[in-house]
């Protein structure tokens, strides 16, 4: 646009670009879905282990969801769903694996409650 301004699109009027569009719009624009229909977006849920992460990366889904919590309640970010408090994969390792795919990601942050 003139003056170097970004084009504004959609109901939220956000600048166009990689971080500014809704996932359904991204998958439609890239040809991964045929209509602007959120139900067409395929998900892989709870990819909270090395094996599940590898399976998700190989699959034909559009989006991968994980549960993030702090190891033991105050340690490194890991992928686990309470009541689990440990995992064989950290968030950093998982992100390094997913960045090499064409998948969208959803991080579901959990709070670990230590009940003794």
PDB file of N, CA and C in Angstrom:
ATOM      1  N   UNK A   1       0.833  -1.187   0.000  1.00  0.00           N
ATOM      2  CA  UNK A   1       0.000   0.000   0.000  1.00  0.00           C
ATOM      3  C   UNK A   1       0.875   1.247   0.000  1.00  0.00           C
ATOM      4  N   UNK A   2       0.319   2.375  -0.413  1.00  0.00           N
ATOM      5  CA  UNK A   2       1.086   3.619  -0.401  1.00  0.00           C
ATOM      6  C   UNK A   2       1.588   3.950   0.999  1.00  0.00           C
ATOM      7  N   UNK A   3       2.759   4.512   1.077  1.00  0.00           N
ATOM      8  CA  UNK A   3       3.326   4.904   2.364  1.00  0.00           C
ATOM      9  C   UNK A   3       3.829   3.746   3.191  1.00  0.00           C
ATOM     10  N   UNK A   4       3.897   2.527   2.612  1.00  0.00           N
ATOM     11  CA  UNK A   4       4.401   1.375   3.349  1.00  0.00           C
ATOM     12  C   UNK A   4       3.424   0.809   4.358  1.00  0.00           C
ATOM     13  N   UNK A   5       2.154   1.211   4.285  1.00  0.00           N
ATOM     14  CA  UNK A   5       1.165   0.694   5.233  1.00  0.00           C
ATOM     15  C   UNK A   5       0.782  -0.732   4.865  1.00  0.00           C
ATOM     16  N   UNK A   6       0.501  -1.531   5.864  1.00  0.00           N
ATOM     17  CA  UNK A   6       0.049  -2.904   5.630  1.00  0.00           C
ATOM     18  C   UNK A   6      -1.442  -2.901   5.320  1.00  0.00           C
ATOM     19  N   UNK A   7      -1.864  -3.832   4.483  1.00  0.00           N
ATOM     20  CA  UNK A   7      -3.290  -3.982   4.188  1.00  0.00           C
ATOM     21  C   UNK A   7      -4.000  -4.505   5.423  1.00  0.00           C
ATOM     22  N   UNK A   8      -5.192  -3.986   5.684  1.00  0.00           N
ATOM     23  CA  UNK A   8      -5.982  -4.451   6.812  1.00  0.00           C
ATOM     24  C   UNK A   8      -7.082  -5.339   6.280  1.00  0.00           C
ATOM     25  N   UNK A   9      -7.314  -6.498   6.976  1.00  0.00           N
ATOM     26  CA  UNK A   9      -8.267  -7.468   6.492  1.00  0.00           C
ATOM     27  C   UNK A   9      -9.133  -7.986   7.623  1.00  0.00           C
ATOM     28  N   UNK A  10     -10.241  -8.563   7.247  1.00  0.00           N
ATOM     29  CA  UNK A  10     -11.079  -9.308   8.159  1.00  0.00           C
ATOM     30  C   UNK A  10     -11.756  -8.465   9.215  1.00  0.00           C
ATOM     31  N   UNK A  11     -12.549  -9.125  10.076  1.00  0.00           N
ATOM     32  CA  UNK A  11     -13.319  -8.394  11.078  1.00  0.00           C
ATOM     33  C   UNK A  11     -12.451  -7.726  12.133  1.00  0.00           C
ATOM     34  N   UNK A  12     -11.250  -8.212  12.354  1.00  0.00           N
ATOM     35  CA  UNK A  12     -10.383  -7.639  13.383  1.00  0.00           C
ATOM     36  C   UNK A  12      -9.515  -6.516  12.846  1.00  0.00           C
ATOM     37  N   UNK A  13      -9.464  -6.360  11.538  1.00  0.00           N
ATOM     38  CA  UNK A  13      -8.690  -5.308  10.900  1.00  0.00           C
ATOM     39  C   UNK A  13      -7.235  -5.335  11.342  1.00  0.00           C
ATOM     40  N   UNK A  14      -6.606  -6.486  11.210  1.00  0.00           N
ATOM     41  CA  UNK A  14      -5.193  -6.646  11.558  1.00  0.00           C
ATOM     42  C   UNK A  14      -4.356  -6.603  10.299  1.00  0.00           C
ATOM     43  N   UNK A  15      -3.098  -6.159  10.398  1.00  0.00           N
ATOM     44  CA  UNK A  15      -2.241  -6.133   9.214  1.00  0.00           C
ATOM     45  C   UNK A  15      -2.044  -7.544   8.659  1.00  0.00           C
ATOM     46  N   UNK A  16      -1.969  -7.669   7.338  1.00  0.00           N
ATOM     47  CA  UNK A  16      -1.736  -8.967   6.706  1.00  0.00           C
ATOM     48  C   UNK A  16      -0.323  -9.432   6.996  1.00  0.00           C
ATOM     49  N   UNK A  17      -0.141 -10.729   7.158  1.00  0.00           N
ATOM     50  CA  UNK A  17       1.178 -11.293   7.400  1.00  0.00           C
ATOM     51  C   UNK A  17       1.077 -12.606   8.131  1.00  0.00           C
ATOM     52  N   UNK A  18       2.208 -13.258   8.306  1.00  0.00           N
ATOM     53  CA  UNK A  18       2.243 -14.616   8.849  1.00  0.00           C
ATOM     54  C   UNK A  18       1.610 -14.730  10.227  1.00  0.00           C
ATOM     55  N   UNK A  19       1.732 -13.729  11.064  1.00  0.00           N
ATOM     56  CA  UNK A  19       1.232 -13.825  12.439  1.00  0.00           C
ATOM     57  C   UNK A  19      -0.117 -13.149  12.620  1.00  0.00           C
ATOM     58  N   UNK A  20      -0.698 -12.643  11.549  1.00  0.00           N
ATOM     59  CA  UNK A  20      -1.868 -11.798  11.718  1.00  0.00           C
ATOM     60  C   UNK A  20      -3.175 -12.392  11.209  1.00  0.00           C
ATOM     61  N   UNK A  21      -3.169 -13.601  10.694  1.00  0.00           N
ATOM     62  CA  UNK A  21      -4.412 -14.132  10.159  1.00  0.00           C
ATOM     63  C   UNK A  21      -4.926 -15.289  11.008  1.00  0.00           C
ATOM     64  N   UNK A  22      -6.224 -15.522  10.927  1.00  0.00           N
ATOM     65  CA  UNK A  22      -6.832 -16.638  11.625  1.00  0.00           C
ATOM     66  C   UNK A  22      -6.339 -17.938  10.994  1.00  0.00           C
ATOM     67  N   UNK A  23      -6.168 -18.995  11.790  1.00  0.00           N
ATOM     68  CA  UNK A  23      -5.699 -20.265  11.219  1.00  0.00           C
ATOM     69  C   UNK A  23      -6.549 -20.747  10.047  1.00  0.00           C
ATOM     70  N   UNK A  24      -7.871 -20.635  10.147  1.00  0.00           N
ATOM     71  CA  UNK A  24      -8.717 -21.110   9.048  1.00  0.00           C
ATOM     72  C   UNK A  24      -8.411 -20.336   7.765  1.00  0.00           C
ATOM     73  N   UNK A  25      -8.127 -19.040   7.881  1.00  0.00           N
ATOM     74  CA  UNK A  25      -7.780 -18.252   6.695  1.00  0.00           C
ATOM     75  C   UNK A  25      -6.431 -18.677   6.127  1.00  0.00           C
ATOM     76  N   UNK A  26      -5.486 -18.978   7.000  1.00  0.00           N
ATOM     77  CA  UNK A  26      -4.175 -19.450   6.542  1.00  0.00           C
ATOM     78  C   UNK A  26      -4.313 -20.752   5.754  1.00  0.00           C
ATOM     79  N   UNK A  27      -5.058 -21.711   6.309  1.00  0.00           N
ATOM     80  CA  UNK A  27      -5.191 -23.005   5.643  1.00  0.00           C
ATOM     81  C   UNK A  27      -5.991 -22.889   4.348  1.00  0.00           C
ATOM     82  N   UNK A  28      -6.953 -21.988   4.293  1.00  0.00           N
ATOM     83  CA  UNK A  28      -7.690 -21.751   3.055  1.00  0.00           C
ATOM     84  C   UNK A  28      -6.774 -21.121   2.009  1.00  0.00           C
ATOM     85  N   UNK A  29      -6.040 -20.074   2.391  1.00  0.00           N
ATOM     86  CA  UNK A  29      -5.148 -19.376   1.464  1.00  0.00           C
ATOM     87  C   UNK A  29      -4.071 -20.307   0.924  1.00  0.00           C
ATOM     88  N   UNK A  30      -3.574 -21.212   1.776  1.00  0.00           N
ATOM     89  CA  UNK A  30      -2.497 -22.115   1.363  1.00  0.00           C
ATOM     90  C   UNK A  30      -3.010 -23.371   0.651  1.00  0.00           C
ATOM     91  N   UNK A  31      -4.326 -23.489   0.490  1.00  0.00           N
ATOM     92  CA  UNK A  31      -4.893 -24.610  -0.247  1.00  0.00           C
ATOM     93  C   UNK A  31      -5.050 -25.891   0.554  1.00  0.00           C
ATOM     94  N   UNK A  32      -4.884 -25.830   1.873  1.00  0.00           N
ATOM     95  CA  UNK A  32      -5.026 -27.037   2.696  1.00  0.00           C
ATOM     96  C   UNK A  32      -6.483 -27.386   2.990  1.00  0.00           C
ATOM     97  N   UNK A  33      -7.378 -26.397   2.903  1.00  0.00           N
ATOM     98  CA  UNK A  33      -8.815 -26.648   3.018  1.00  0.00           C
ATOM     99  C   UNK A  33      -9.488 -25.947   1.845  1.00  0.00           C
ATOM    100  N   UNK A  34     -10.691 -26.401   1.496  1.00  0.00           N
ATOM    101  CA  UNK A  34     -11.350 -25.883   0.307  1.00  0.00           C
ATOM    102  C   UNK A  34     -12.365 -24.792   0.549  1.00  0.00           C
ATOM    103  N   UNK A  35     -12.748 -24.563   1.807  1.00  0.00           N
ATOM    104  CA  UNK A  35     -13.744 -23.541   2.121  1.00  0.00           C
ATOM    105  C   UNK A  35     -13.398 -22.911   3.464  1.00  0.00           C
ATOM    106  N   UNK A  36     -13.879 -21.707   3.683  1.00  0.00           N
ATOM    107  CA  UNK A  36     -13.616 -21.022   4.957  1.00  0.00           C
ATOM    108  C   UNK A  36     -14.552 -21.609   6.019  1.00  0.00           C
ATOM    109  N   UNK A  37     -14.182 -22.797   6.476  1.00  0.00           N
ATOM    110  CA  UNK A  37     -14.998 -23.568   7.409  1.00  0.00           C
ATOM    111  C   UNK A  37     -14.080 -24.166   8.464  1.00  0.00           C
ATOM    112  N   UNK A  38     -14.200 -23.697   9.693  1.00  0.00           N
ATOM    113  CA  UNK A  38     -13.357 -24.197  10.777  1.00  0.00           C
ATOM    114  C   UNK A  38     -13.490 -25.693  10.995  1.00  0.00           C
ATOM    115  N   UNK A  39     -14.636 -26.260  10.629  1.00  0.00           N
ATOM    116  CA  UNK A  39     -14.827 -27.704  10.789  1.00  0.00           C
ATOM    117  C   UNK A  39     -13.936 -28.499   9.841  1.00  0.00           C
ATOM    118  N   UNK A  40     -13.404 -27.857   8.808  1.00  0.00           N
ATOM    119  CA  UNK A  40     -12.514 -28.546   7.866  1.00  0.00           C
ATOM    120  C   UNK A  40     -11.085 -28.665   8.392  1.00  0.00           C
ATOM    121  N   UNK A  41     -10.770 -27.913   9.441  1.00  0.00           N
ATOM    122  CA  UNK A  41      -9.422 -27.946  10.022  1.00  0.00           C
ATOM    123  C   UNK A  41      -9.306 -29.186  10.903  1.00  0.00           C
ATOM    124  N   UNK A  42      -8.331 -30.052  10.604  1.00  0.00           N
ATOM    125  CA  UNK A  42      -8.128 -31.302  11.348  1.00  0.00           C
ATOM    126  C   UNK A  42      -7.113 -31.080  12.471  1.00  0.00           C
ATOM    127  N   UNK A  43      -7.409 -31.660  13.623  1.00  0.00           N
ATOM    128  CA  UNK A  43      -6.603 -31.475  14.836  1.00  0.00           C
ATOM    129  C   UNK A  43      -5.978 -32.782  15.303  1.00  0.00           C
ATOM    130  N   UNK A  44      -4.828 -32.658  15.947  1.00  0.00           N
ATOM    131  CA  UNK A  44      -4.188 -33.748  16.686  1.00  0.00           C
ATOM    132  C   UNK A  44      -4.068 -33.236  18.116  1.00  0.00           C
ATOM    133  N   UNK A  45      -4.761 -33.880  19.048  1.00  0.00           N
ATOM    134  CA  UNK A  45      -4.799 -33.416  20.437  1.00  0.00           C
ATOM    135  C   UNK A  45      -3.829 -34.199  21.314  1.00  0.00           C
ATOM    136  N   UNK A  46      -3.339 -33.521  22.339  1.00  0.00           N
ATOM    137  CA  UNK A  46      -2.502 -34.131  23.387  1.00  0.00           C
ATOM    138  C   UNK A  46      -1.261 -34.817  22.824  1.00  0.00           C
ATOM    139  N   UNK A  47      -0.495 -34.097  22.021  1.00  0.00           N
ATOM    140  CA  UNK A  47       0.779 -34.620  21.497  1.00  0.00           C
ATOM    141  C   UNK A  47       1.863 -34.409  22.551  1.00  0.00           C
ATOM    142  N   UNK A  48       1.616 -34.946  23.755  1.00  0.00           N
ATOM    143  CA  UNK A  48       2.403 -34.632  24.947  1.00  0.00           C
ATOM    144  C   UNK A  48       3.583 -35.558  25.215  1.00  0.00           C
ATOM    145  N   UNK A  49       4.014 -36.334  24.249  1.00  0.00           N
ATOM    146  CA  UNK A  49       5.174 -37.213  24.429  1.00  0.00           C
ATOM    147  C   UNK A  49       5.980 -37.209  23.136  1.00  0.00           C
ATOM    148  N   UNK A  50       7.189 -37.742  23.206  1.00  0.00           N
ATOM    149  CA  UNK A  50       8.010 -37.820  21.985  1.00  0.00           C
ATOM    150  C   UNK A  50       7.297 -38.635  20.905  1.00  0.00           C
ATOM    151  N   UNK A  51       6.714 -39.758  21.300  1.00  0.00           N
ATOM    152  CA  UNK A  51       6.032 -40.620  20.327  1.00  0.00           C
ATOM    153  C   UNK A  51       4.826 -39.916  19.722  1.00  0.00           C
ATOM    154  N   UNK A  52       4.006 -39.270  20.550  1.00  0.00           N
ATOM    155  CA  UNK A  52       2.820 -38.568  20.039  1.00  0.00           C
ATOM    156  C   UNK A  52       3.219 -37.369  19.189  1.00  0.00           C
ATOM    157  N   UNK A  53       4.298 -36.675  19.559  1.00  0.00           N
ATOM    158  CA  UNK A  53       4.776 -35.538  18.764  1.00  0.00           C
ATOM    159  C   UNK A  53       5.232 -36.005  17.384  1.00  0.00           C
ATOM    160  N   UNK A  54       5.961 -37.112  17.338  1.00  0.00           N
ATOM    161  CA  UNK A  54       6.419 -37.657  16.054  1.00  0.00           C
ATOM    162  C   UNK A  54       5.231 -38.091  15.206  1.00  0.00           C
ATOM    163  N   UNK A  55       4.242 -38.722  15.842  1.00  0.00           N
ATOM    164  CA  UNK A  55       3.037 -39.140  15.124  1.00  0.00           C
ATOM    165  C   UNK A  55       2.304 -37.924  14.555  1.00  0.00           C
ATOM    166  N   UNK A  56       2.181 -36.878  15.348  1.00  0.00           N
ATOM    167  CA  UNK A  56       1.508 -35.655  14.893  1.00  0.00           C
ATOM    168  C   UNK A  56       2.261 -35.016  13.736  1.00  0.00           C
ATOM    169  N   UNK A  57       3.578 -34.971  13.830  1.00  0.00           N
ATOM    170  CA  UNK A  57       4.395 -34.356  12.779  1.00  0.00           C
ATOM    171  C   UNK A  57       4.242 -35.100  11.453  1.00  0.00           C
ATOM    172  N   UNK A  58       4.084 -36.425  11.509  1.00  0.00           N
ATOM    173  CA  UNK A  58       3.942 -37.239  10.294  1.00  0.00           C
ATOM    174  C   UNK A  58       2.516 -37.227   9.736  1.00  0.00           C
ATOM    175  N   UNK A  59       1.563 -36.845  10.549  1.00  0.00           N
ATOM    176  CA  UNK A  59       0.156 -36.958  10.164  1.00  0.00           C
ATOM    177  C   UNK A  59      -0.253 -35.868   9.173  1.00  0.00           C
ATOM    178  N   UNK A  60      -1.477 -35.988   8.679  1.00  0.00           N
ATOM    179  CA  UNK A  60      -1.997 -35.005   7.728  1.00  0.00           C
ATOM    180  C   UNK A  60      -2.895 -33.961   8.391  1.00  0.00           C
ATOM    181  N   UNK A  61      -2.769 -33.783   9.704  1.00  0.00           N
ATOM    182  CA  UNK A  61      -3.568 -32.781  10.407  1.00  0.00           C
ATOM    183  C   UNK A  61      -3.055 -31.380  10.101  1.00  0.00           C
ATOM    184  N   UNK A  62      -3.890 -30.404  10.400  1.00  0.00           N
ATOM    185  CA  UNK A  62      -3.512 -29.003  10.221  1.00  0.00           C
ATOM    186  C   UNK A  62      -2.948 -28.401  11.509  1.00  0.00           C
ATOM    187  N   UNK A  63      -3.534 -28.776  12.639  1.00  0.00           N
ATOM    188  CA  UNK A  63      -3.194 -28.177  13.933  1.00  0.00           C
ATOM    189  C   UNK A  63      -2.800 -29.267  14.932  1.00  0.00           C
ATOM    190  N   UNK A  64      -1.823 -28.946  15.782  1.00  0.00           N
ATOM    191  CA  UNK A  64      -1.377 -29.866  16.828  1.00  0.00           C
ATOM    192  C   UNK A  64      -1.498 -29.143  18.162  1.00  0.00           C
ATOM    193  N   UNK A  65      -2.149 -29.804  19.126  1.00  0.00           N
ATOM    194  CA  UNK A  65      -2.368 -29.229  20.452  1.00  0.00           C
ATOM    195  C   UNK A  65      -1.568 -29.997  21.486  1.00  0.00           C
ATOM    196  N   UNK A  66      -0.976 -29.265  22.417  1.00  0.00           N
ATOM    197  CA  UNK A  66      -0.261 -29.865  23.544  1.00  0.00           C
ATOM    198  C   UNK A  66      -0.665 -29.158  24.828  1.00  0.00           C
ATOM    199  N   UNK A  67      -0.432 -29.851  25.940  1.00  0.00           N
ATOM    200  CA  UNK A  67      -0.659 -29.292  27.271  1.00  0.00           C
ATOM    201  C   UNK A  67       0.697 -28.961  27.876  1.00  0.00           C
ATOM    202  N   UNK A  68       0.864 -27.732  28.321  1.00  0.00           N
ATOM    203  CA  UNK A  68       2.142 -27.259  28.852  1.00  0.00           C
ATOM    204  C   UNK A  68       1.994 -26.998  30.340  1.00  0.00           C
ATOM    205  N   UNK A  69       2.935 -27.538  31.107  1.00  0.00           N
ATOM    206  CA  UNK A  69       3.026 -27.182  32.521  1.00  0.00           C
ATOM    207  C   UNK A  69       4.483 -27.181  32.931  1.00  0.00           C
ATOM    208  N   UNK A  70       4.740 -26.679  34.115  1.00  0.00           N
ATOM    209  CA  UNK A  70       6.109 -26.631  34.621  1.00  0.00           C
ATOM    210  C   UNK A  70       6.420 -27.929  35.338  1.00  0.00           C
ATOM    211  N   UNK A  71       7.551 -28.540  34.985  1.00  0.00           N
ATOM    212  CA  UNK A  71       7.948 -29.824  35.579  1.00  0.00           C
ATOM    213  C   UNK A  71       7.959 -29.696  37.101  1.00  0.00           C
ATOM    214  N   UNK A  72       7.206 -30.560  37.767  1.00  0.00           N
ATOM    215  CA  UNK A  72       7.148 -30.550  39.220  1.00  0.00           C
ATOM    216  C   UNK A  72       6.484 -29.317  39.805  1.00  0.00           C
ATOM    217  N   UNK A  73       5.899 -28.482  38.986  1.00  0.00           N
ATOM    218  CA  UNK A  73       5.219 -27.288  39.465  1.00  0.00           C
ATOM    219  C   UNK A  73       6.023 -26.013  39.347  1.00  0.00           C
ATOM    220  N   UNK A  74       7.357 -26.130  39.244  1.00  0.00           N
ATOM    221  CA  UNK A  74       8.169 -24.910  39.160  1.00  0.00           C
ATOM    222  C   UNK A  74       9.440 -25.093  38.339  1.00  0.00           C
ATOM    223  N   UNK A  75       9.500 -26.152  37.539  1.00  0.00           N
ATOM    224  CA  UNK A  75      10.698 -26.428  36.734  1.00  0.00           C
ATOM    225  C   UNK A  75      10.546 -25.980  35.297  1.00  0.00           C
ATOM    226  N   UNK A  76      11.222 -26.687  34.404  1.00  0.00           N
ATOM    227  CA  UNK A  76      11.186 -26.366  32.979  1.00  0.00           C
ATOM    228  C   UNK A  76       9.803 -26.641  32.389  1.00  0.00           C
ATOM    229  N   UNK A  77       9.398 -25.877  31.369  1.00  0.00           N
ATOM    230  CA  UNK A  77       8.134 -26.169  30.690  1.00  0.00           C
ATOM    231  C   UNK A  77       8.214 -27.523  29.978  1.00  0.00           C
ATOM    232  N   UNK A  78       7.253 -28.377  30.267  1.00  0.00           N
ATOM    233  CA  UNK A  78       7.171 -29.710  29.666  1.00  0.00           C
ATOM    234  C   UNK A  78       5.774 -29.899  29.090  1.00  0.00           C
ATOM    235  N   UNK A  79       5.586 -31.013  28.408  1.00  0.00           N
ATOM    236  CA  UNK A  79       4.279 -31.341  27.855  1.00  0.00           C
ATOM    237  C   UNK A  79       3.666 -32.463  28.676  1.00  0.00           C
ATOM    238  N   UNK A  80       2.642 -32.133  29.418  1.00  0.00           N
ATOM    239  CA  UNK A  80       1.943 -33.109  30.251  1.00  0.00           C
ATOM    240  C   UNK A  80       0.595 -32.526  30.639  1.00  0.00           C
ATOM    241  N   UNK A  81      -0.324 -33.415  30.951  1.00  0.00           N
ATOM    242  CA  UNK A  81      -1.650 -32.997  31.401  1.00  0.00           C
ATOM    243  C   UNK A  81      -1.817 -33.452  32.843  1.00  0.00           C
ATOM    244  N   UNK A  82      -2.179 -32.543  33.753  1.00  0.00           N
ATOM    245  CA  UNK A  82      -2.392 -32.957  35.141  1.00  0.00           C
ATOM    246  C   UNK A  82      -3.374 -34.122  35.196  1.00  0.00           C
ATOM    247  N   UNK A  83      -3.141 -35.095  36.050  1.00  0.00           N
ATOM    248  CA  UNK A  83      -2.251 -35.025  37.211  1.00  0.00           C
ATOM    249  C   UNK A  83      -0.789 -35.356  36.917  1.00  0.00           C
ATOM    250  N   UNK A  84      -0.428 -35.659  35.663  1.00  0.00           N
ATOM    251  CA  UNK A  84       0.983 -35.922  35.348  1.00  0.00           C
ATOM    252  C   UNK A  84       1.814 -34.680  35.641  1.00  0.00           C
ATOM    253  N   UNK A  85       3.039 -34.893  36.124  1.00  0.00           N
ATOM    254  CA  UNK A  85       3.933 -33.778  36.445  1.00  0.00           C
ATOM    255  C   UNK A  85       5.280 -33.908  35.756  1.00  0.00           C
ATOM    256  N   UNK A  86       5.436 -34.923  34.909  1.00  0.00           N
ATOM    257  CA  UNK A  86       6.694 -35.103  34.195  1.00  0.00           C
ATOM    258  C   UNK A  86       6.390 -35.612  32.788  1.00  0.00           C
ATOM    259  N   UNK A  87       7.390 -35.524  31.927  1.00  0.00           N
ATOM    260  CA  UNK A  87       7.223 -35.909  30.531  1.00  0.00           C
ATOM    261  C   UNK A  87       8.569 -36.285  29.949  1.00  0.00           C
ATOM    262  N   UNK A  88       8.544 -36.973  28.812  1.00  0.00           N
ATOM    263  CA  UNK A  88       9.797 -37.301  28.120  1.00  0.00           C
ATOM    264  C   UNK A  88      10.170 -36.237  27.090  1.00  0.00           C
ATOM    265  N   UNK A  89       9.428 -35.116  27.058  1.00  0.00           N
ATOM    266  CA  UNK A  89       9.721 -34.057  26.095  1.00  0.00           C
ATOM    267  C   UNK A  89       9.430 -32.689  26.709  1.00  0.00           C
ATOM    268  N   UNK A  90      10.343 -31.760  26.474  1.00  0.00           N
ATOM    269  CA  UNK A  90      10.143 -30.390  26.951  1.00  0.00           C
ATOM    270  C   UNK A  90       9.433 -29.580  25.871  1.00  0.00           C
ATOM    271  N   UNK A  91       8.898 -28.451  26.272  1.00  0.00           N
ATOM    272  CA  UNK A  91       8.270 -27.561  25.301  1.00  0.00           C
ATOM    273  C   UNK A  91       9.279 -27.120  24.247  1.00  0.00           C
ATOM    274  N   UNK A  92      10.492 -26.806  24.661  1.00  0.00           N
ATOM    275  CA  UNK A  92      11.527 -26.365  23.724  1.00  0.00           C
ATOM    276  C   UNK A  92      11.833 -27.448  22.686  1.00  0.00           C
ATOM    277  N   UNK A  93      11.950 -28.705  23.127  1.00  0.00           N
ATOM    278  CA  UNK A  93      12.210 -29.805  22.193  1.00  0.00           C
ATOM    279  C   UNK A  93      11.047 -29.979  21.214  1.00  0.00           C
ATOM    280  N   UNK A  94       9.829 -29.877  21.735  1.00  0.00           N
ATOM    281  CA  UNK A  94       8.646 -30.039  20.900  1.00  0.00           C
ATOM    282  C   UNK A  94       8.559 -28.934  19.848  1.00  0.00           C
ATOM    283  N   UNK A  95       8.801 -27.688  20.271  1.00  0.00           N
ATOM    284  CA  UNK A  95       8.763 -26.573  19.324  1.00  0.00           C
ATOM    285  C   UNK A  95       9.818 -26.740  18.232  1.00  0.00           C
ATOM    286  N   UNK A  96      11.009 -27.223  18.607  1.00  0.00           N
ATOM    287  CA  UNK A  96      12.071 -27.455  17.621  1.00  0.00           C
ATOM    288  C   UNK A  96      11.635 -28.496  16.595  1.00  0.00           C
ATOM    289  N   UNK A  97      10.850 -29.477  17.019  1.00  0.00           N
ATOM    290  CA  UNK A  97      10.349 -30.501  16.096  1.00  0.00           C
ATOM    291  C   UNK A  97       9.229 -29.940  15.214  1.00  0.00           C
ATOM    292  N   UNK A  98       8.316 -29.182  15.780  1.00  0.00           N
ATOM    293  CA  UNK A  98       7.163 -28.688  15.030  1.00  0.00           C
ATOM    294  C   UNK A  98       7.520 -27.586  14.040  1.00  0.00           C
ATOM    295  N   UNK A  99       8.579 -26.843  14.302  1.00  0.00           N
ATOM    296  CA  UNK A  99       8.937 -25.741  13.401  1.00  0.00           C
ATOM    297  C   UNK A  99       9.286 -26.258  12.008  1.00  0.00           C
ATOM    298  N   UNK A 100       9.641 -27.508  11.903  1.00  0.00           N
ATOM    299  CA  UNK A 100       9.995 -28.111  10.616  1.00  0.00           C
ATOM    300  C   UNK A 100       8.795 -28.728   9.895  1.00  0.00           C
ATOM    301  N   UNK A 101       7.590 -28.445  10.371  1.00  0.00           N
ATOM    302  CA  UNK A 101       6.374 -28.962   9.738  1.00  0.00           C
ATOM    303  C   UNK A 101       5.558 -27.787   9.202  1.00  0.00           C
ATOM    304  N   UNK A 102       4.455 -28.111   8.565  1.00  0.00           N
ATOM    305  CA  UNK A 102       3.531 -27.068   8.114  1.00  0.00           C
ATOM    306  C   UNK A 102       2.312 -26.995   9.025  1.00  0.00           C
ATOM    307  N   UNK A 103       2.460 -27.433  10.270  1.00  0.00           N
ATOM    308  CA  UNK A 103       1.345 -27.492  11.208  1.00  0.00           C
ATOM    309  C   UNK A 103       1.190 -26.181  11.973  1.00  0.00           C
ATOM    310  N   UNK A 104      -0.062 -25.853  12.279  1.00  0.00           N
ATOM    311  CA  UNK A 104      -0.336 -24.818  13.259  1.00  0.00           C
ATOM    312  C   UNK A 104      -0.260 -25.449  14.636  1.00  0.00           C
ATOM    313  N   UNK A 105      -0.035 -24.638  15.661  1.00  0.00           N
ATOM    314  CA  UNK A 105       0.075 -25.194  17.013  1.00  0.00           C
ATOM    315  C   UNK A 105      -0.865 -24.470  17.964  1.00  0.00           C
ATOM    316  N   UNK A 106      -1.293 -25.210  18.981  1.00  0.00           N
ATOM    317  CA  UNK A 106      -2.057 -24.635  20.081  1.00  0.00           C
ATOM    318  C   UNK A 106      -1.388 -25.097  21.363  1.00  0.00           C
ATOM    319  N   UNK A 107      -1.010 -24.145  22.198  1.00  0.00           N
ATOM    320  CA  UNK A 107      -0.407 -24.449  23.488  1.00  0.00           C
ATOM    321  C   UNK A 107      -1.458 -24.227  24.558  1.00  0.00           C
ATOM    322  N   UNK A 108      -1.809 -25.288  25.269  1.00  0.00           N
ATOM    323  CA  UNK A 108      -2.806 -25.225  26.336  1.00  0.00           C
ATOM    324  C   UNK A 108      -2.053 -25.224  27.660  1.00  0.00           C
ATOM    325  N   UNK A 109      -1.902 -24.055  28.264  1.00  0.00           N
ATOM    326  CA  UNK A 109      -1.115 -23.930  29.492  1.00  0.00           C
ATOM    327  C   UNK A 109      -1.941 -24.383  30.682  1.00  0.00           C
ATOM    328  N   UNK A 110      -1.364 -25.316  31.434  1.00  0.00           N
ATOM    329  CA  UNK A 110      -2.021 -25.882  32.607  1.00  0.00           C
ATOM    330  C   UNK A 110      -1.318 -25.398  33.862  1.00  0.00           C
ATOM    331  N   UNK A 111      -2.056 -25.395  34.928  1.00  0.00           N
ATOM    332  CA  UNK A 111      -1.481 -25.034  36.224  1.00  0.00           C
ATOM    333  C   UNK A 111      -1.386 -26.297  37.060  1.00  0.00           C
ATOM    334  N   UNK A 112      -0.172 -26.538  37.570  1.00  0.00           N
ATOM    335  CA  UNK A 112       0.047 -27.706  38.418  1.00  0.00           C
ATOM    336  C   UNK A 112      -0.295 -27.328  39.848  1.00  0.00           C
ATOM    337  N   UNK A 113      -1.212 -28.054  40.442  1.00  0.00           N
ATOM    338  CA  UNK A 113      -1.583 -27.813  41.834  1.00  0.00           C
ATOM    339  C   UNK A 113      -1.063 -28.961  42.671  1.00  0.00           C
ATOM    340  N   UNK A 114      -0.111 -28.669  43.531  1.00  0.00           N
ATOM    341  CA  UNK A 114       0.476 -29.679  44.400  1.00  0.00           C
ATOM    342  C   UNK A 114      -0.460 -29.899  45.577  1.00  0.00           C
ATOM    343  N   UNK A 115      -1.108 -31.043  45.598  1.00  0.00           N
ATOM    344  CA  UNK A 115      -2.065 -31.345  46.659  1.00  0.00           C
ATOM    345  C   UNK A 115      -1.497 -32.430  47.545  1.00  0.00           C
ATOM    346  N   UNK A 116      -0.924 -32.023  48.655  1.00  0.00           N
ATOM    347  CA  UNK A 116      -0.337 -32.980  49.603  1.00  0.00           C
ATOM    348  C   UNK A 116      -1.181 -33.097  50.839  1.00  0.00           C
TER     349      UNK A 116
END
